[in-house]
């Protein structure tokens, strides 16, 4: 393949631009905010699960407290009815009075036991409420941390994307003046060679693979016509000759 020396040198300009675009893409992929967002998401998900579990426990203890208070109220109401019967004088049988007195005593003991249960459940209910409050606050903080990380990432995206747009316009300006066949070869090689399709021959060295040529090999390259598109025998990239290629 042949191409004007000026067009070959333009490949170096295009390569520099493409390398810049690759660097910007790598920077976009490896922003530290990506790791921050991943961790913040994991923390948020874990805390959300804990809040849900704590709320469920709070609901269970609240229902348990309601049931315990109802049990106390039922015993208290029965004791009050029995006391009212005794005080009314309608119970004339000594045995019935004795049974009522015995039941009132039993109900008083039952009420005391149930009130202890109420106190114990109340303590657990308060602890559950405290845990929900604490976890909810931590969840809200995690949401703020996540939102801030996303905001920083998006700001970096906007900055990088603006630079990519500018560099892409520069690339289009350079690429459109390079012959199509030369550009096609360069593009194919760039895909095959890790993003570098053309390299300068600088002081007897290929800047693509860093291999230094022997004098005889360098002389053979120099003997090629100026418009010959030379390839590096080591890496296969287009080897662009310039005034600094050495002797």
C-alpha atoms as a PDB file:
ATOM      1  CA  UNK A   1       0.000   0.000   0.000  1.00  0.00           C
ATOM      2  CA  UNK A   2       1.134   3.515  -0.745  1.00  0.00           C
ATOM      3  CA  UNK A   3       0.090   6.806   0.832  1.00  0.00           C
ATOM      4  CA  UNK A   4       1.510  10.291   0.795  1.00  0.00           C
ATOM      5  CA  UNK A   5       3.987  10.904   3.647  1.00  0.00           C
ATOM      6  CA  UNK A   6       1.773  13.751   4.892  1.00  0.00           C
ATOM      7  CA  UNK A   7      -1.181  11.378   5.129  1.00  0.00           C
ATOM      8  CA  UNK A   8       0.915   8.859   7.019  1.00  0.00           C
ATOM      9  CA  UNK A   9       1.986  11.536   9.488  1.00  0.00           C
ATOM     10  CA  UNK A  10      -1.659  12.449   9.941  1.00  0.00           C
ATOM     11  CA  UNK A  11      -2.126   8.896  11.186  1.00  0.00           C
ATOM     12  CA  UNK A  12       0.017   9.857  14.164  1.00  0.00           C
ATOM     13  CA  UNK A  13      -2.320  12.764  14.883  1.00  0.00           C
ATOM     14  CA  UNK A  14      -5.286  10.416  14.573  1.00  0.00           C
ATOM     15  CA  UNK A  15      -3.605   7.868  16.817  1.00  0.00           C
ATOM     16  CA  UNK A  16      -2.990  10.509  19.475  1.00  0.00           C
ATOM     17  CA  UNK A  17      -6.650  11.506  19.336  1.00  0.00           C
ATOM     18  CA  UNK A  18      -7.827   7.886  19.501  1.00  0.00           C
ATOM     19  CA  UNK A  19      -5.538   7.251  22.450  1.00  0.00           C
ATOM     20  CA  UNK A  20      -7.027  10.277  24.153  1.00  0.00           C
ATOM     21  CA  UNK A  21     -10.524   8.907  23.535  1.00  0.00           C
ATOM     22  CA  UNK A  22      -9.464   5.539  24.939  1.00  0.00           C
ATOM     23  CA  UNK A  23      -8.096   7.278  28.034  1.00  0.00           C
ATOM     24  CA  UNK A  24     -11.335   9.170  28.507  1.00  0.00           C
ATOM     25  CA  UNK A  25     -13.353   5.954  28.149  1.00  0.00           C
ATOM     26  CA  UNK A  26     -11.100   4.244  30.693  1.00  0.00           C
ATOM     27  CA  UNK A  27     -11.438   7.200  33.044  1.00  0.00           C
ATOM     28  CA  UNK A  28     -15.228   7.040  32.718  1.00  0.00           C
ATOM     29  CA  UNK A  29     -15.244   3.300  33.488  1.00  0.00           C
ATOM     30  CA  UNK A  30     -12.906   3.576  36.467  1.00  0.00           C
ATOM     31  CA  UNK A  31     -14.246   6.623  38.280  1.00  0.00           C
ATOM     32  CA  UNK A  32     -13.846   6.124  42.056  1.00  0.00           C
ATOM     33  CA  UNK A  33     -17.517   6.997  42.388  1.00  0.00           C
ATOM     34  CA  UNK A  34     -18.410   3.629  40.803  1.00  0.00           C
ATOM     35  CA  UNK A  35     -16.998   1.788  43.825  1.00  0.00           C
ATOM     36  CA  UNK A  36     -18.567   4.316  46.188  1.00  0.00           C
ATOM     37  CA  UNK A  37     -21.975   3.836  44.571  1.00  0.00           C
ATOM     38  CA  UNK A  38     -21.654   0.061  44.664  1.00  0.00           C
ATOM     39  CA  UNK A  39     -20.812   0.141  48.381  1.00  0.00           C
ATOM     40  CA  UNK A  40     -23.506   2.738  49.107  1.00  0.00           C
ATOM     41  CA  UNK A  41     -26.070   0.613  47.260  1.00  0.00           C
ATOM     42  CA  UNK A  42     -25.054  -2.471  49.235  1.00  0.00           C
ATOM     43  CA  UNK A  43     -25.233  -0.542  52.521  1.00  0.00           C
ATOM     44  CA  UNK A  44     -28.605   0.930  51.567  1.00  0.00           C
ATOM     45  CA  UNK A  45     -30.029  -2.471  50.633  1.00  0.00           C
ATOM     46  CA  UNK A  46     -28.763  -4.063  53.852  1.00  0.00           C
ATOM     47  CA  UNK A  47     -30.148  -1.241  55.995  1.00  0.00           C
ATOM     48  CA  UNK A  48     -33.475  -1.327  54.157  1.00  0.00           C
ATOM     49  CA  UNK A  49     -33.763  -5.040  54.948  1.00  0.00           C
ATOM     50  CA  UNK A  50     -32.922  -4.357  58.596  1.00  0.00           C
ATOM     51  CA  UNK A  51     -35.534  -1.587  58.789  1.00  0.00           C
ATOM     52  CA  UNK A  52     -38.180  -3.895  57.318  1.00  0.00           C
ATOM     53  CA  UNK A  53     -37.282  -6.628  59.819  1.00  0.00           C
ATOM     54  CA  UNK A  54     -37.277  -4.146  62.715  1.00  0.00           C
ATOM     55  CA  UNK A  55     -40.649  -2.734  61.650  1.00  0.00           C
ATOM     56  CA  UNK A  56     -42.054  -6.268  61.502  1.00  0.00           C
ATOM     57  CA  UNK A  57     -40.744  -6.946  64.992  1.00  0.00           C
ATOM     58  CA  UNK A  58     -42.195  -3.644  66.186  1.00  0.00           C
ATOM     59  CA  UNK A  59     -45.571  -4.619  64.735  1.00  0.00           C
ATOM     60  CA  UNK A  60     -45.414  -8.025  66.409  1.00  0.00           C
ATOM     61  CA  UNK A  61     -44.616  -6.569  69.838  1.00  0.00           C
ATOM     62  CA  UNK A  62     -47.287  -3.872  69.401  1.00  0.00           C
ATOM     63  CA  UNK A  63     -49.889  -6.562  68.729  1.00  0.00           C
ATOM     64  CA  UNK A  64     -48.557  -8.606  71.635  1.00  0.00           C
ATOM     65  CA  UNK A  65     -48.862  -5.544  73.891  1.00  0.00           C
ATOM     66  CA  UNK A  66     -52.433  -4.923  72.764  1.00  0.00           C
ATOM     67  CA  UNK A  67     -53.315  -8.540  73.519  1.00  0.00           C
ATOM     68  CA  UNK A  68     -51.631  -8.404  76.951  1.00  0.00           C
ATOM     69  CA  UNK A  69     -53.453  -5.163  77.841  1.00  0.00           C
ATOM     70  CA  UNK A  70     -56.761  -6.707  76.740  1.00  0.00           C
ATOM     71  CA  UNK A  71     -56.092  -9.717  78.957  1.00  0.00           C
ATOM     72  CA  UNK A  72     -55.492  -7.409  81.948  1.00  0.00           C
ATOM     73  CA  UNK A  73     -58.642  -5.467  81.180  1.00  0.00           C
ATOM     74  CA  UNK A  74     -60.719  -8.635  80.966  1.00  0.00           C
ATOM     75  CA  UNK A  75     -59.438  -9.843  84.341  1.00  0.00           C
ATOM     76  CA  UNK A  76     -59.934  -6.397  85.873  1.00  0.00           C
ATOM     77  CA  UNK A  77     -63.501  -6.224  84.537  1.00  0.00           C
ATOM     78  CA  UNK A  78     -64.358  -9.686  85.867  1.00  0.00           C
ATOM     79  CA  UNK A  79     -62.938  -8.813  89.283  1.00  0.00           C
ATOM     80  CA  UNK A  80     -64.930  -5.584  89.313  1.00  0.00           C
ATOM     81  CA  UNK A  81     -68.147  -7.448  88.502  1.00  0.00           C
ATOM     82  CA  UNK A  82     -67.483  -9.965  91.266  1.00  0.00           C
ATOM     83  CA  UNK A  83     -66.752  -7.186  93.738  1.00  0.00           C
ATOM     84  CA  UNK A  84     -69.928  -5.416  92.703  1.00  0.00           C
ATOM     85  CA  UNK A  85     -71.951  -8.594  93.345  1.00  0.00           C
ATOM     86  CA  UNK A  86     -70.433  -8.928  96.785  1.00  0.00           C
ATOM     87  CA  UNK A  87     -71.041  -5.292  97.632  1.00  0.00           C
ATOM     88  CA  UNK A  88     -74.628  -5.382  96.374  1.00  0.00           C
ATOM     89  CA  UNK A  89     -75.706  -7.910  98.976  1.00  0.00           C
ATOM     90  CA  UNK A  90     -77.477 -10.054  96.402  1.00  0.00           C
ATOM     91  CA  UNK A  91     -75.341 -13.084  97.197  1.00  0.00           C
ATOM     92  CA  UNK A  92     -76.861 -14.648 100.296  1.00  0.00           C
ATOM     93  CA  UNK A  93     -75.196 -18.058 100.242  1.00  0.00           C
ATOM     94  CA  UNK A  94     -72.109 -18.265 102.407  1.00  0.00           C
ATOM     95  CA  UNK A  95     -70.602 -20.774  99.991  1.00  0.00           C
ATOM     96  CA  UNK A  96     -71.230 -18.448  97.038  1.00  0.00           C
ATOM     97  CA  UNK A  97     -69.647 -15.575  98.939  1.00  0.00           C
ATOM     98  CA  UNK A  98     -66.653 -17.727  99.736  1.00  0.00           C
ATOM     99  CA  UNK A  99     -66.321 -18.722  96.082  1.00  0.00           C
ATOM    100  CA  UNK A 100     -66.550 -15.086  95.013  1.00  0.00           C
ATOM    101  CA  UNK A 101     -63.909 -14.053  97.516  1.00  0.00           C
ATOM    102  CA  UNK A 102     -61.657 -16.877  96.353  1.00  0.00           C
ATOM    103  CA  UNK A 103     -62.160 -15.937  92.706  1.00  0.00           C
ATOM    104  CA  UNK A 104     -61.491 -12.267  93.439  1.00  0.00           C
ATOM    105  CA  UNK A 105     -58.223 -13.269  95.102  1.00  0.00           C
ATOM    106  CA  UNK A 106     -57.279 -15.469  92.164  1.00  0.00           C
ATOM    107  CA  UNK A 107     -58.159 -12.698  89.725  1.00  0.00           C
ATOM    108  CA  UNK A 108     -56.010 -10.240  91.655  1.00  0.00           C
ATOM    109  CA  UNK A 109     -53.047 -12.634  91.367  1.00  0.00           C
ATOM    110  CA  UNK A 110     -53.841 -13.207  87.694  1.00  0.00           C
ATOM    111  CA  UNK A 111     -54.071  -9.463  87.095  1.00  0.00           C
ATOM    112  CA  UNK A 112     -50.719  -8.879  88.799  1.00  0.00           C
ATOM    113  CA  UNK A 113     -49.082 -11.565  86.662  1.00  0.00           C
ATOM    114  CA  UNK A 114     -50.619 -10.158  83.495  1.00  0.00           C
ATOM    115  CA  UNK A 115     -49.521  -6.619  84.370  1.00  0.00           C
ATOM    116  CA  UNK A 116     -45.959  -7.939  84.722  1.00  0.00           C
ATOM    117  CA  UNK A 117     -46.327  -9.394  81.241  1.00  0.00           C
ATOM    118  CA  UNK A 118     -47.568  -6.014  79.984  1.00  0.00           C
ATOM    119  CA  UNK A 119     -44.517  -4.270  81.461  1.00  0.00           C
ATOM    120  CA  UNK A 120     -42.161  -6.813  79.877  1.00  0.00           C
ATOM    121  CA  UNK A 121     -43.838  -6.475  76.470  1.00  0.00           C
ATOM    122  CA  UNK A 122     -43.813  -2.690  76.790  1.00  0.00           C
ATOM    123  CA  UNK A 123     -40.037  -2.784  77.327  1.00  0.00           C
ATOM    124  CA  UNK A 124     -39.613  -4.921  74.223  1.00  0.00           C
ATOM    125  CA  UNK A 125     -41.957  -2.659  72.271  1.00  0.00           C
ATOM    126  CA  UNK A 126     -39.970   0.422  73.252  1.00  0.00           C
ATOM    127  CA  UNK A 127     -36.725  -1.352  72.320  1.00  0.00           C
ATOM    128  CA  UNK A 128     -38.212  -2.277  68.946  1.00  0.00           C
ATOM    129  CA  UNK A 129     -39.345   1.293  68.369  1.00  0.00           C
ATOM    130  CA  UNK A 130     -35.892   2.593  69.291  1.00  0.00           C
ATOM    131  CA  UNK A 131     -34.272   0.179  66.866  1.00  0.00           C
ATOM    132  CA  UNK A 132     -36.639   1.207  64.061  1.00  0.00           C
ATOM    133  CA  UNK A 133     -35.846   4.869  64.741  1.00  0.00           C
ATOM    134  CA  UNK A 134     -32.102   4.215  64.794  1.00  0.00           C
ATOM    135  CA  UNK A 135     -32.109   2.079  61.643  1.00  0.00           C
ATOM    136  CA  UNK A 136     -34.373   4.526  59.813  1.00  0.00           C
ATOM    137  CA  UNK A 137     -31.933   7.350  60.576  1.00  0.00           C
ATOM    138  CA  UNK A 138     -29.054   5.227  59.306  1.00  0.00           C
ATOM    139  CA  UNK A 139     -31.051   4.356  56.179  1.00  0.00           C
ATOM    140  CA  UNK A 140     -31.747   8.031  55.520  1.00  0.00           C
ATOM    141  CA  UNK A 141     -28.044   8.788  55.912  1.00  0.00           C
ATOM    142  CA  UNK A 142     -27.203   5.959  53.507  1.00  0.00           C
ATOM    143  CA  UNK A 143     -29.636   7.464  50.994  1.00  0.00           C
ATOM    144  CA  UNK A 144     -27.836  10.810  51.277  1.00  0.00           C
ATOM    145  CA  UNK A 145     -24.441   9.149  50.828  1.00  0.00           C
ATOM    146  CA  UNK A 146     -25.714   7.269  47.765  1.00  0.00           C
ATOM    147  CA  UNK A 147     -27.299  10.383  46.251  1.00  0.00           C
ATOM    148  CA  UNK A 148     -24.104  12.392  46.765  1.00  0.00           C
ATOM    149  CA  UNK A 149     -21.978   9.681  45.140  1.00  0.00           C
ATOM    150  CA  UNK A 150     -24.363   9.482  42.174  1.00  0.00           C
ATOM    151  CA  UNK A 151     -24.297  13.262  41.860  1.00  0.00           C
ATOM    152  CA  UNK A 152     -20.480  13.315  41.828  1.00  0.00           C
ATOM    153  CA  UNK A 153     -20.401  10.507  39.274  1.00  0.00           C
ATOM    154  CA  UNK A 154     -22.895  12.272  37.031  1.00  0.00           C
ATOM    155  CA  UNK A 155     -20.900  15.500  37.260  1.00  0.00           C
ATOM    156  CA  UNK A 156     -17.757  13.599  36.239  1.00  0.00           C
ATOM    157  CA  UNK A 157     -19.705  11.935  33.423  1.00  0.00           C
ATOM    158  CA  UNK A 158     -20.820  15.324  32.139  1.00  0.00           C
ATOM    159  CA  UNK A 159     -17.261  16.658  32.227  1.00  0.00           C
ATOM    160  CA  UNK A 160     -15.816  13.609  30.493  1.00  0.00           C
ATOM    161  CA  UNK A 161     -18.607  13.438  27.915  1.00  0.00           C
ATOM    162  CA  UNK A 162     -18.095  17.104  27.029  1.00  0.00           C
ATOM    163  CA  UNK A 163     -14.404  16.443  26.469  1.00  0.00           C
ATOM    164  CA  UNK A 164     -15.203  13.302  24.454  1.00  0.00           C
ATOM    165  CA  UNK A 165     -17.512  15.340  22.229  1.00  0.00           C
ATOM    166  CA  UNK A 166     -14.777  17.902  21.585  1.00  0.00           C
ATOM    167  CA  UNK A 167     -12.087  15.297  20.909  1.00  0.00           C
ATOM    168  CA  UNK A 168     -14.485  13.374  18.647  1.00  0.00           C
ATOM    169  CA  UNK A 169     -14.993  16.491  16.544  1.00  0.00           C
ATOM    170  CA  UNK A 170     -11.219  16.869  16.290  1.00  0.00           C
ATOM    171  CA  UNK A 171     -10.972  13.244  15.207  1.00  0.00           C
ATOM    172  CA  UNK A 172     -13.558  13.687  12.490  1.00  0.00           C
ATOM    173  CA  UNK A 173     -11.629  16.655  11.123  1.00  0.00           C
ATOM    174  CA  UNK A 174      -8.414  14.623  10.920  1.00  0.00           C
ATOM    175  CA  UNK A 175      -9.970  11.356   9.717  1.00  0.00           C
ATOM    176  CA  UNK A 176     -11.813  12.946   6.813  1.00  0.00           C
ATOM    177  CA  UNK A 177      -8.562  14.013   5.113  1.00  0.00           C
ATOM    178  CA  UNK A 178      -6.896  10.589   5.407  1.00  0.00           C
ATOM    179  CA  UNK A 179      -7.366   8.286   2.396  1.00  0.00           C
ATOM    180  CA  UNK A 180     -10.090   5.711   3.003  1.00  0.00           C
ATOM    181  CA  UNK A 181      -7.904   2.667   2.299  1.00  0.00           C
ATOM    182  CA  UNK A 182      -5.193   3.859   4.696  1.00  0.00           C
ATOM    183  CA  UNK A 183      -7.778   4.669   7.347  1.00  0.00           C
ATOM    184  CA  UNK A 184      -9.316   1.206   6.955  1.00  0.00           C
ATOM    185  CA  UNK A 185      -5.972  -0.517   7.523  1.00  0.00           C
ATOM    186  CA  UNK A 186      -5.222   1.707  10.510  1.00  0.00           C
ATOM    187  CA  UNK A 187      -8.642   0.988  12.049  1.00  0.00           C
ATOM    188  CA  UNK A 188      -8.250  -2.762  11.623  1.00  0.00           C
ATOM    189  CA  UNK A 189      -4.776  -2.734  13.147  1.00  0.00           C
ATOM    190  CA  UNK A 190      -5.937  -0.575  16.032  1.00  0.00           C
ATOM    191  CA  UNK A 191      -8.596  -3.140  16.881  1.00  0.00           C
ATOM    192  CA  UNK A 192      -6.041  -5.954  16.677  1.00  0.00           C
ATOM    193  CA  UNK A 193      -3.214  -4.214  18.521  1.00  0.00           C
ATOM    194  CA  UNK A 194      -4.797  -2.975  21.713  1.00  0.00           C
ATOM    195  CA  UNK A 195      -5.820   0.441  20.457  1.00  0.00           C
ATOM    196  CA  UNK A 196      -2.604   1.394  18.637  1.00  0.00           C
ATOM    197  CA  UNK A 197      -2.694   1.030  14.855  1.00  0.00           C
ATOM    198  CA  UNK A 198       0.113   3.399  13.864  1.00  0.00           C
ATOM    199  CA  UNK A 199       3.378   4.208  15.601  1.00  0.00           C
ATOM    200  CA  UNK A 200       6.237   6.567  14.899  1.00  0.00           C
ATOM    201  CA  UNK A 201       9.673   5.276  14.006  1.00  0.00           C
ATOM    202  CA  UNK A 202      11.719   7.343  16.427  1.00  0.00           C
ATOM    203  CA  UNK A 203      15.507   7.056  16.712  1.00  0.00           C
ATOM    204  CA  UNK A 204      15.566   3.528  15.310  1.00  0.00           C
ATOM    205  CA  UNK A 205      12.749   2.395  17.641  1.00  0.00           C
ATOM    206  CA  UNK A 206       9.115   1.494  16.962  1.00  0.00           C
ATOM    207  CA  UNK A 207       7.133   3.475  19.465  1.00  0.00           C
ATOM    208  CA  UNK A 208       4.368   0.896  19.276  1.00  0.00           C
ATOM    209  CA  UNK A 209       6.260  -2.137  20.574  1.00  0.00           C
ATOM    210  CA  UNK A 210       9.484  -0.352  21.686  1.00  0.00           C
ATOM    211  CA  UNK A 211      11.668  -2.648  19.596  1.00  0.00           C
ATOM    212  CA  UNK A 212      14.878  -1.039  18.326  1.00  0.00           C
ATOM    213  CA  UNK A 213      15.877  -1.898  14.778  1.00  0.00           C
ATOM    214  CA  UNK A 214      19.313  -3.015  13.715  1.00  0.00           C
ATOM    215  CA  UNK A 215      21.099  -0.638  11.368  1.00  0.00           C
ATOM    216  CA  UNK A 216      20.589  -2.990   8.431  1.00  0.00           C
ATOM    217  CA  UNK A 217      16.835  -3.198   9.100  1.00  0.00           C
ATOM    218  CA  UNK A 218      16.627   0.551   9.505  1.00  0.00           C
ATOM    219  CA  UNK A 219      18.457   1.060   6.207  1.00  0.00           C
ATOM    220  CA  UNK A 220      16.014  -1.307   4.510  1.00  0.00           C
ATOM    221  CA  UNK A 221      13.133   0.741   5.847  1.00  0.00           C
ATOM    222  CA  UNK A 222      14.745   3.987   4.712  1.00  0.00           C
ATOM    223  CA  UNK A 223      15.236   2.505   1.265  1.00  0.00           C
ATOM    224  CA  UNK A 224      11.472   2.066   0.869  1.00  0.00           C
ATOM    225  CA  UNK A 225       9.791   4.754  -1.267  1.00  0.00           C
ATOM    226  CA  UNK A 226       8.592   7.774   0.719  1.00  0.00           C
ATOM    227  CA  UNK A 227       4.987   6.908  -0.028  1.00  0.00           C
ATOM    228  CA  UNK A 228       5.310   3.228   0.928  1.00  0.00           C
ATOM    229  CA  UNK A 229       3.279   2.274   3.968  1.00  0.00           C
ATOM    230  CA  UNK A 230       5.800   0.382   6.098  1.00  0.00           C
ATOM    231  CA  UNK A 231       4.770  -2.082   8.784  1.00  0.00           C
ATOM    232  CA  UNK A 232       6.758  -2.975  11.891  1.00  0.00           C
ATOM    233  CA  UNK A 233       7.995  -6.555  11.478  1.00  0.00           C
ATOM    234  CA  UNK A 234       7.649  -7.127  15.220  1.00  0.00           C
ATOM    235  CA  UNK A 235       4.156  -5.801  16.055  1.00  0.00           C
ATOM    236  CA  UNK A 236       2.629  -5.335  12.597  1.00  0.00           C
ATOM    237  CA  UNK A 237       1.601  -1.730  13.199  1.00  0.00           C
ATOM    238  CA  UNK A 238       1.951   0.952  10.542  1.00  0.00           C
ATOM    239  CA  UNK A 239       5.399   2.422  11.040  1.00  0.00           C
ATOM    240  CA  UNK A 240       5.368   6.139  10.281  1.00  0.00           C
ATOM    241  CA  UNK A 241       8.683   7.618   9.227  1.00  0.00           C
ATOM    242  CA  UNK A 242       9.576  11.138  10.281  1.00  0.00           C
ATOM    243  CA  UNK A 243      12.667  13.343  10.357  1.00  0.00           C
ATOM    244  CA  UNK A 244      13.497  11.854  13.770  1.00  0.00           C
ATOM    245  CA  UNK A 245      13.504   8.261  12.608  1.00  0.00           C
ATOM    246  CA  UNK A 246      17.266   7.931  12.975  1.00  0.00           C
ATOM    247  CA  UNK A 247      19.951   6.570  10.708  1.00  0.00           C
END
